[in-house]
Amino acid sequence: MSTTGPASERVLFVDDEQNVLDGIQRSLRKHIMIQTASSGADGLRLLREAGPFALVVSDMRMPTMNGAQFLTKVREQEPDTVRMILSGQADLEATIAAVNDGHIYRFLSKPCPAEKLLAAVEDGLRQHRLINAEKVLLEQTLSGAVKMLIEILGIVSPAASSRASRLQRYVLELACALSLPAHWQWGLAAHVSQIGCVTLPQEILSKVEASQALTEEERGLFESHPQVAGKLLATIPRLDDVAAIVSAQFGQPNCAGKPDNISDWNLRSAGELLLQTACEFDRLITRGATRESAAAALKASKPGLLQAIIKPLLSLKIANQGLIVRQVRLKDLALGMILDEDLVSPKGIRLVPSGQEITRTLIVRLSSIADGVGVVEPFRVRVSV
């Protein structure tokens, strides 16, 4: 078989002729890390068990599964893996078609001299490093943009930031309880679902935090924040689905014409259902409902809601349950604590409302306030038993 090494440096060769694989091993094993497989099925098995690989090079003409079919499956399983074909002259037309379809990075004609094959493999590895570098850059840019939005929300409206954290937890727990696929877009959508609140007047935010009645105009403004958030998020690459899910958070769950099994829904529709359910559940819980009464209210008020999502609500962890009250100082604050009283300045100005969850952004903000106007200490928090 092979030498092992980092995925970024490993190459998988697939050919149904063992003598070809042996020749490749002899020619290239001193230069690159190689694994080999004698069929498409064996190659897919290796990809699952020993992958990912930076580069996969496949013969074109193989029984049961030809090279183009095999590499198409490789693309589905590991889209970042670079793919090449080794092709005989008789396979040229099919190979060109595969390249033109966009599935294959390059094809090489058989017989292929060792130096030419090595040069092509090294080029494929460089292509993989380029793909990874671009991917890392995009992920870092995405992560930085989202982190900035969340930190801004925590500064402008700590209560909205806490609500976002609760919604994220509810969405992830619901998805797990329903045995849904792990889609990062769902948790992220819940986490950034409240960023539109940064555009709302403080008076409206204060009323919402205190569960006070809003005027018709204020309610219209508040209910517009998901669309504002959706427009902000839509400008960030790869967040189209997240933006759509966030924009729909106040909508009515639409299950008409969809499969009874939520696992069969598309990513966006399932994400909208999870966030809409979490938003309504959180609204009821923050107004004093128990899990049981909140679930019953959802079932009664939204007859179109799938019953499959009601049952998991009964097992969701509620933030304030199982906590005890302690007196702490600013230096003792830890993530996840819940304020049991308003934090005020020495002059009596309310800085942070009771019920706020302690986040990293809030700790930084309070440290800055303490150096300025000051904070009355000690104060009460609720912590896990």
Protein backbone atom coordinates (compact mmCIF):
# COMPACT_ATOMS: atom_id res chain seq x y z
CA MET A 1 0.00 0.00 0.00
CA SER A 2 1.56 3.22 1.01
CA THR A 3 3.35 5.80 2.95
CA THR A 4 1.18 7.82 5.31
CA GLY A 5 1.35 11.53 5.99
CA PRO A 6 -0.64 14.74 6.26
CA ALA A 7 -3.73 14.90 4.07
CA SER A 8 -2.31 18.02 2.41
CA GLU A 9 0.56 15.92 1.03
CA ARG A 10 -1.08 12.56 0.25
CA VAL A 11 -2.11 11.29 -3.16
CA LEU A 12 -4.46 8.40 -3.98
CA PHE A 13 -3.91 6.50 -7.25
CA VAL A 14 -6.69 4.23 -8.54
CA ASP A 15 -6.14 1.75 -11.37
CA ASP A 16 -7.40 -1.77 -12.01
CA GLU A 17 -3.96 -2.84 -13.30
CA GLN A 18 -1.70 -3.73 -10.39
CA ASN A 19 1.45 -3.48 -12.51
CA VAL A 20 0.59 0.18 -13.25
CA LEU A 21 0.15 0.91 -9.54
CA ASP A 22 3.43 -0.87 -8.75
CA GLY A 23 5.23 1.23 -11.36
CA ILE A 24 3.78 4.44 -9.92
CA GLN A 25 4.89 3.39 -6.44
CA ARG A 26 8.45 2.74 -7.61
CA SER A 27 8.65 6.01 -9.54
CA LEU A 28 7.05 8.43 -7.06
CA ARG A 29 7.23 7.04 -3.52
CA LYS A 30 10.50 8.89 -2.77
CA HIS A 31 8.92 12.19 -3.75
CA ILE A 32 5.31 12.07 -2.51
CA MET A 33 3.15 10.09 -0.08
CA ILE A 34 1.02 7.61 -1.97
CA GLN A 35 -1.87 5.25 -1.38
CA THR A 36 -3.30 3.01 -4.06
CA ALA A 37 -6.57 1.24 -4.83
CA SER A 38 -7.40 -1.29 -7.54
CA SER A 39 -11.02 -0.22 -8.16
CA GLY A 40 -13.37 2.72 -7.79
CA ALA A 41 -15.19 1.01 -4.90
CA ASP A 42 -11.89 0.37 -3.11
CA GLY A 43 -10.88 3.98 -3.72
CA LEU A 44 -14.10 5.29 -2.16
CA ARG A 45 -13.59 3.02 0.83
CA LEU A 46 -10.05 4.38 1.32
CA LEU A 47 -11.37 7.92 0.99
CA ARG A 48 -13.82 7.26 3.84
CA GLU A 49 -11.41 5.36 6.08
CA ALA A 50 -8.07 7.07 5.40
CA GLY A 51 -9.03 10.36 3.74
CA PRO A 52 -9.14 13.10 2.93
CA PHE A 53 -6.48 13.19 0.22
CA ALA A 54 -5.08 16.27 -1.44
CA LEU A 55 -5.15 14.66 -4.88
CA VAL A 56 -6.85 11.63 -6.44
CA VAL A 57 -5.57 10.28 -9.78
CA SER A 58 -7.73 7.66 -11.47
CA ASP A 59 -7.51 5.45 -14.53
CA MET A 60 -10.36 6.10 -16.94
CA ARG A 61 -11.22 2.61 -18.17
CA MET A 62 -12.07 0.40 -15.17
CA PRO A 63 -14.76 -2.29 -14.79
CA THR A 64 -18.02 -1.53 -12.91
CA MET A 65 -17.13 2.13 -12.30
CA ASN A 66 -15.07 4.14 -14.77
CA GLY A 67 -12.75 6.97 -13.81
CA ALA A 68 -15.20 9.79 -14.52
CA GLN A 69 -17.91 8.10 -12.43
CA PHE A 70 -15.47 7.42 -9.60
CA LEU A 71 -14.13 10.98 -9.54
CA THR A 72 -17.67 12.37 -9.57
CA LYS A 73 -18.30 10.44 -6.35
CA VAL A 74 -14.99 11.69 -4.96
CA ARG A 75 -16.14 15.24 -5.69
CA GLU A 76 -19.41 14.64 -3.83
CA GLN A 77 -17.59 13.11 -0.85
CA GLU A 78 -14.58 15.47 -0.71
CA PRO A 79 -15.21 18.57 -2.86
CA ASP A 80 -11.84 20.15 -2.00
CA THR A 81 -9.83 17.16 -3.27
CA VAL A 82 -8.14 17.82 -6.61
CA ARG A 83 -9.01 15.17 -9.23
CA MET A 84 -7.06 13.91 -12.27
CA ILE A 85 -7.57 11.18 -14.87
CA LEU A 86 -5.01 8.86 -16.48
CA SER A 87 -6.44 8.16 -19.92
CA GLY A 88 -5.64 5.90 -22.85
CA GLN A 89 -6.17 7.22 -26.37
CA ALA A 90 -9.38 5.21 -26.76
CA ASP A 91 -10.86 7.01 -23.75
CA LEU A 92 -10.01 10.49 -25.03
CA GLU A 93 -13.52 11.61 -26.01
CA ALA A 94 -15.08 10.53 -22.68
CA THR A 95 -12.19 12.08 -20.77
CA ILE A 96 -12.51 15.44 -22.53
CA ALA A 97 -16.23 15.39 -21.77
CA ALA A 98 -15.47 14.78 -18.08
CA VAL A 99 -12.98 17.67 -18.01
CA ASN A 100 -15.41 20.00 -19.74
CA ASP A 101 -18.15 19.12 -17.25
CA GLY A 102 -15.97 20.70 -14.62
CA HIS A 103 -15.32 17.62 -12.51
CA ILE A 104 -11.68 16.97 -13.45
CA TYR A 105 -8.70 19.27 -12.91
CA ARG A 106 -6.47 17.65 -15.55
CA PHE A 107 -6.05 14.50 -17.61
CA LEU A 108 -2.85 12.67 -18.51
CA SER A 109 -2.37 10.29 -21.42
CA LYS A 110 -1.13 6.75 -20.96
CA PRO A 111 1.67 5.80 -20.98
CA CYS A 112 2.83 8.73 -18.86
CA PRO A 113 6.59 9.18 -18.22
CA ALA A 114 7.52 9.31 -14.54
CA GLU A 115 8.87 12.87 -14.71
CA LYS A 116 5.70 14.13 -16.43
CA LEU A 117 3.48 12.34 -13.90
CA LEU A 118 5.50 13.77 -10.99
CA ALA A 119 5.25 17.28 -12.42
CA ALA A 120 1.47 16.92 -12.84
CA VAL A 121 1.08 15.57 -9.29
CA GLU A 122 3.12 18.42 -7.83
CA ASP A 123 0.97 20.87 -9.79
CA GLY A 124 -2.15 19.18 -8.37
CA LEU A 125 -0.77 19.49 -4.85
CA ARG A 126 -0.10 23.19 -5.41
CA GLN A 127 -3.68 23.58 -6.61
CA HIS A 128 -4.93 21.90 -3.43
CA ARG A 129 -2.84 24.22 -1.27
CA LEU A 130 -4.28 27.19 -3.16
CA ILE A 131 -7.84 25.93 -2.63
CA ASN A 132 -7.15 25.46 1.08
CA ALA A 133 -5.54 28.89 1.42
CA GLU A 134 -8.57 30.55 -0.19
CA LYS A 135 -10.92 28.50 1.97
CA VAL A 136 -9.09 29.44 5.18
CA LEU A 137 -9.04 33.10 4.16
CA LEU A 138 -12.78 33.04 3.43
CA GLU A 139 -13.56 31.25 6.70
CA GLN A 140 -11.44 33.70 8.69
CA THR A 141 -13.12 36.64 6.96
CA LEU A 142 -16.54 35.12 7.60
CA SER A 143 -15.71 34.34 11.22
CA GLY A 144 -14.33 37.83 11.80
CA ALA A 145 -17.36 39.54 10.25
CA VAL A 146 -19.82 37.47 12.29
CA LYS A 147 -17.83 37.96 15.51
CA MET A 148 -17.84 41.72 14.96
CA LEU A 149 -21.63 41.77 14.43
CA ILE A 150 -22.23 39.73 17.59
CA GLU A 151 -19.92 41.93 19.67
CA ILE A 152 -21.67 45.08 18.42
CA LEU A 153 -25.01 43.56 19.41
CA GLY A 154 -23.65 42.72 22.88
CA ILE A 155 -22.60 46.35 23.37
CA VAL A 156 -25.80 47.96 22.03
CA SER A 157 -28.30 45.50 23.53
CA PRO A 158 -27.03 42.94 26.05
CA ALA A 159 -30.57 41.55 26.37
CA ALA A 160 -30.82 40.93 22.61
CA SER A 161 -27.41 39.27 22.75
CA SER A 162 -28.63 36.98 25.53
CA ARG A 163 -31.76 36.18 23.55
CA ALA A 164 -29.60 35.23 20.57
CA SER A 165 -27.55 32.86 22.74
CA ARG A 166 -30.72 31.19 24.02
CA LEU A 167 -32.12 30.85 20.52
CA GLN A 168 -28.90 29.26 19.31
CA ARG A 169 -29.02 26.73 22.13
CA TYR A 170 -32.70 25.92 21.45
CA VAL A 171 -32.12 25.49 17.69
CA LEU A 172 -29.13 23.20 18.17
CA GLU A 173 -30.91 21.10 20.81
CA LEU A 174 -34.01 20.79 18.62
CA ALA A 175 -31.93 19.71 15.61
CA CYS A 176 -30.14 17.12 17.74
CA ALA A 177 -33.38 15.78 19.25
CA LEU A 178 -34.86 15.43 15.76
CA SER A 179 -31.70 13.63 14.50
CA LEU A 180 -31.26 16.22 11.77
CA PRO A 181 -28.01 16.59 9.79
CA ALA A 182 -25.45 18.94 11.34
CA HIS A 183 -25.74 22.14 9.27
CA TRP A 184 -23.60 24.99 10.62
CA GLN A 185 -25.99 27.51 9.03
CA TRP A 186 -28.75 26.75 11.58
CA GLY A 187 -26.78 27.53 14.74
CA LEU A 188 -25.17 30.57 13.13
CA ALA A 189 -28.55 31.90 11.97
CA ALA A 190 -29.89 31.72 15.52
CA HIS A 191 -26.73 33.33 16.92
CA VAL A 192 -26.95 36.35 14.59
CA SER A 193 -30.75 36.49 14.47
CA GLN A 194 -30.95 39.59 16.69
CA ILE A 195 -28.30 41.79 15.05
CA GLY A 196 -31.03 43.90 13.43
CA CYS A 197 -31.80 45.17 16.95
CA VAL A 198 -28.76 47.46 16.72
CA THR A 199 -30.86 49.74 14.49
CA LEU A 200 -33.77 50.04 16.95
CA PRO A 201 -34.27 53.00 19.33
CA GLN A 202 -33.21 52.25 22.90
CA GLU A 203 -36.74 52.99 24.13
CA ILE A 204 -38.13 50.10 22.09
CA LEU A 205 -35.37 47.74 23.22
CA SER A 206 -36.03 48.66 26.86
CA LYS A 207 -39.75 47.97 26.45
CA VAL A 208 -39.08 44.61 24.83
CA GLU A 209 -36.62 43.67 27.58
CA ALA A 210 -39.22 44.55 30.22
CA SER A 211 -42.03 42.74 28.32
CA GLN A 212 -43.97 46.02 28.12
CA ALA A 213 -46.67 46.65 25.51
CA LEU A 214 -45.52 48.34 22.31
CA THR A 215 -47.47 50.87 20.28
CA GLU A 216 -48.45 49.86 16.76
CA GLU A 217 -45.61 51.96 15.33
CA GLU A 218 -43.08 50.53 17.81
CA ARG A 219 -44.21 46.98 17.07
CA GLY A 220 -43.79 47.62 13.35
CA LEU A 221 -40.23 48.84 13.94
CA PHE A 222 -39.37 45.92 16.20
CA GLU A 223 -40.79 43.34 13.79
CA SER A 224 -38.68 44.82 10.99
CA HIS A 225 -35.39 43.89 12.63
CA PRO A 226 -35.19 40.41 11.00
CA GLN A 227 -35.32 41.97 7.51
CA VAL A 228 -32.62 44.46 8.51
CA ALA A 229 -30.44 41.61 9.77
CA GLY A 230 -31.11 39.60 6.62
CA LYS A 231 -29.93 42.46 4.40
CA LEU A 232 -26.76 42.89 6.48
CA LEU A 233 -25.96 39.19 6.36
CA ALA A 234 -26.72 38.82 2.64
CA THR A 235 -23.70 41.00 1.86
CA ILE A 236 -21.34 38.44 3.46
CA PRO A 237 -20.14 35.57 1.21
CA ARG A 238 -21.66 32.12 1.91
CA LEU A 239 -24.39 33.49 4.20
CA ASP A 240 -27.30 33.46 1.73
CA ASP A 241 -29.09 30.65 3.57
CA VAL A 242 -28.35 32.21 6.96
CA ALA A 243 -29.75 35.57 5.78
CA ALA A 244 -32.95 33.92 4.52
CA ILE A 245 -33.46 31.96 7.76
CA VAL A 246 -32.91 35.07 9.91
CA SER A 247 -35.29 37.16 7.75
CA ALA A 248 -38.07 34.59 8.25
CA GLN A 249 -37.81 34.26 12.06
CA PHE A 250 -41.14 36.05 12.73
CA GLY A 251 -42.96 34.20 9.95
CA GLN A 252 -45.54 31.47 10.44
CA PRO A 253 -44.16 27.92 10.15
CA ASN A 254 -45.11 26.63 6.72
CA CYS A 255 -45.34 22.84 6.66
CA ALA A 256 -47.89 22.58 3.84
CA GLY A 257 -46.82 20.21 1.11
CA LYS A 258 -43.61 19.27 2.90
CA PRO A 259 -42.59 15.76 4.04
CA ASP A 260 -43.58 14.71 7.56
CA ASN A 261 -39.91 13.95 8.25
CA ILE A 262 -38.04 17.24 8.67
CA SER A 263 -34.81 15.45 7.66
CA ASP A 264 -36.20 15.43 4.11
CA TRP A 265 -36.64 19.22 4.03
CA ASN A 266 -34.04 21.42 2.35
CA LEU A 267 -31.54 23.26 4.53
CA ARG A 268 -33.25 26.64 4.35
CA SER A 269 -36.81 25.45 5.04
CA ALA A 270 -35.74 23.30 7.98
CA GLY A 271 -33.65 26.17 9.39
CA GLU A 272 -36.60 28.55 9.16
CA LEU A 273 -38.84 26.08 11.01
CA LEU A 274 -36.26 25.56 13.78
CA LEU A 275 -35.67 29.28 14.33
CA GLN A 276 -39.36 30.24 14.15
CA THR A 277 -40.20 27.56 16.72
CA ALA A 278 -37.30 28.62 18.97
CA CYS A 279 -38.32 32.30 18.79
CA GLU A 280 -41.91 31.63 19.82
CA PHE A 281 -40.85 29.16 22.53
CA ASP A 282 -38.39 31.70 23.96
CA ARG A 283 -41.02 34.45 23.92
CA LEU A 284 -43.38 32.29 25.97
CA ILE A 285 -40.68 31.14 28.40
CA THR A 286 -39.45 34.69 29.08
CA ARG A 287 -43.04 35.66 29.93
CA GLY A 288 -43.17 33.03 32.64
CA ALA A 289 -44.46 29.93 30.85
CA THR A 290 -43.17 26.48 31.73
CA ARG A 291 -41.80 24.19 29.04
CA GLU A 292 -45.03 22.19 29.14
CA SER A 293 -47.33 25.20 28.85
CA ALA A 294 -45.13 26.79 26.15
CA ALA A 295 -45.22 23.58 24.10
CA ALA A 296 -49.00 23.32 24.56
CA ALA A 297 -49.46 26.96 23.53
CA LEU A 298 -47.38 26.42 20.39
CA LYS A 299 -49.39 23.34 19.51
CA ALA A 300 -52.68 25.21 19.95
CA SER A 301 -51.73 28.51 18.31
CA LYS A 302 -49.92 27.07 15.30
CA PRO A 303 -51.99 24.15 14.01
CA GLY A 304 -49.81 23.88 10.91
CA LEU A 305 -46.71 23.16 13.00
CA LEU A 306 -45.39 19.63 12.64
CA GLN A 307 -46.10 17.61 15.77
CA ALA A 308 -42.61 16.10 15.50
CA ILE A 309 -41.09 19.39 16.67
CA ILE A 310 -43.41 19.83 19.67
CA LYS A 311 -42.18 16.86 21.70
CA PRO A 312 -38.49 17.91 21.78
CA LEU A 313 -39.54 21.27 23.29
CA LEU A 314 -40.34 19.42 26.52
CA SER A 315 -36.69 18.47 26.99
CA LEU A 316 -35.05 21.81 26.14
CA LYS A 317 -32.80 23.21 28.85
CA ILE A 318 -34.20 26.46 30.23
CA ALA A 319 -31.54 29.00 31.12
CA ASN A 320 -32.68 29.88 34.64
CA GLN A 321 -33.45 26.38 35.90
CA GLY A 322 -31.06 24.55 38.23
CA LEU A 323 -29.29 27.77 39.32
CA ILE A 324 -28.42 29.18 42.73
CA VAL A 325 -27.90 32.83 43.74
CA ARG A 326 -24.48 34.09 44.79
CA GLN A 327 -22.88 37.43 45.55
CA VAL A 328 -19.89 38.20 43.32
CA ARG A 329 -17.64 41.05 42.26
CA LEU A 330 -16.71 42.04 38.72
CA LYS A 331 -13.45 40.09 38.89
CA ASP A 332 -15.45 36.94 39.71
CA LEU A 333 -17.75 37.10 36.69
CA ALA A 334 -17.72 34.01 34.46
CA LEU A 335 -19.38 33.13 31.17
CA GLY A 336 -22.89 31.75 31.53
CA MET A 337 -23.75 33.46 34.84
CA ILE A 338 -27.14 35.27 34.94
CA LEU A 339 -27.55 38.64 36.65
CA ASP A 340 -30.09 38.38 39.50
CA GLU A 341 -30.36 42.15 39.89
CA ASP A 342 -29.74 45.28 37.85
CA LEU A 343 -26.12 46.40 37.66
CA VAL A 344 -25.99 50.10 38.53
CA SER A 345 -23.43 52.86 38.78
CA PRO A 346 -22.67 54.57 42.14
CA LYS A 347 -25.10 57.31 41.03
CA GLY A 348 -27.90 54.79 40.48
CA ILE A 349 -27.80 54.65 36.66
CA ARG A 350 -28.87 51.22 35.40
CA LEU A 351 -26.01 49.76 33.39
CA VAL A 352 -27.20 46.20 32.70
CA PRO A 353 -30.68 44.81 33.44
CA SER A 354 -31.39 41.83 35.66
CA GLY A 355 -31.65 38.56 33.75
CA GLN A 356 -28.75 39.35 31.42
CA GLU A 357 -26.47 36.41 30.67
CA ILE A 358 -22.78 37.11 31.15
CA THR A 359 -20.90 36.98 27.85
CA ARG A 360 -17.29 37.72 26.96
CA THR A 361 -18.32 41.00 25.33
CA LEU A 362 -20.27 42.06 28.44
CA ILE A 363 -17.29 41.32 30.71
CA VAL A 364 -15.07 43.57 28.55
CA ARG A 365 -17.75 46.26 28.52
CA LEU A 366 -18.17 46.17 32.33
CA SER A 367 -14.41 46.35 32.87
CA SER A 368 -14.37 49.53 30.80
CA ILE A 369 -17.34 50.98 32.71
CA ALA A 370 -15.72 50.13 36.05
CA ASP A 371 -12.67 52.18 35.07
CA GLY A 372 -14.98 55.10 34.20
CA VAL A 373 -18.26 55.75 36.02
CA GLY A 374 -17.88 52.66 38.23
CA VAL A 375 -20.13 49.72 39.15
CA VAL A 376 -21.74 49.01 42.51
CA GLU A 377 -20.27 45.79 43.94
CA PRO A 378 -20.92 43.12 45.03
CA PHE A 379 -24.06 42.07 43.16
CA ARG A 380 -26.17 38.94 42.82
CA VAL A 381 -25.86 36.39 40.01
CA ARG A 382 -27.37 33.01 39.34
CA VAL A 383 -24.90 30.20 38.67
CA SER A 384 -25.14 26.50 37.90
CA VAL A 385 -25.32 24.21 40.92
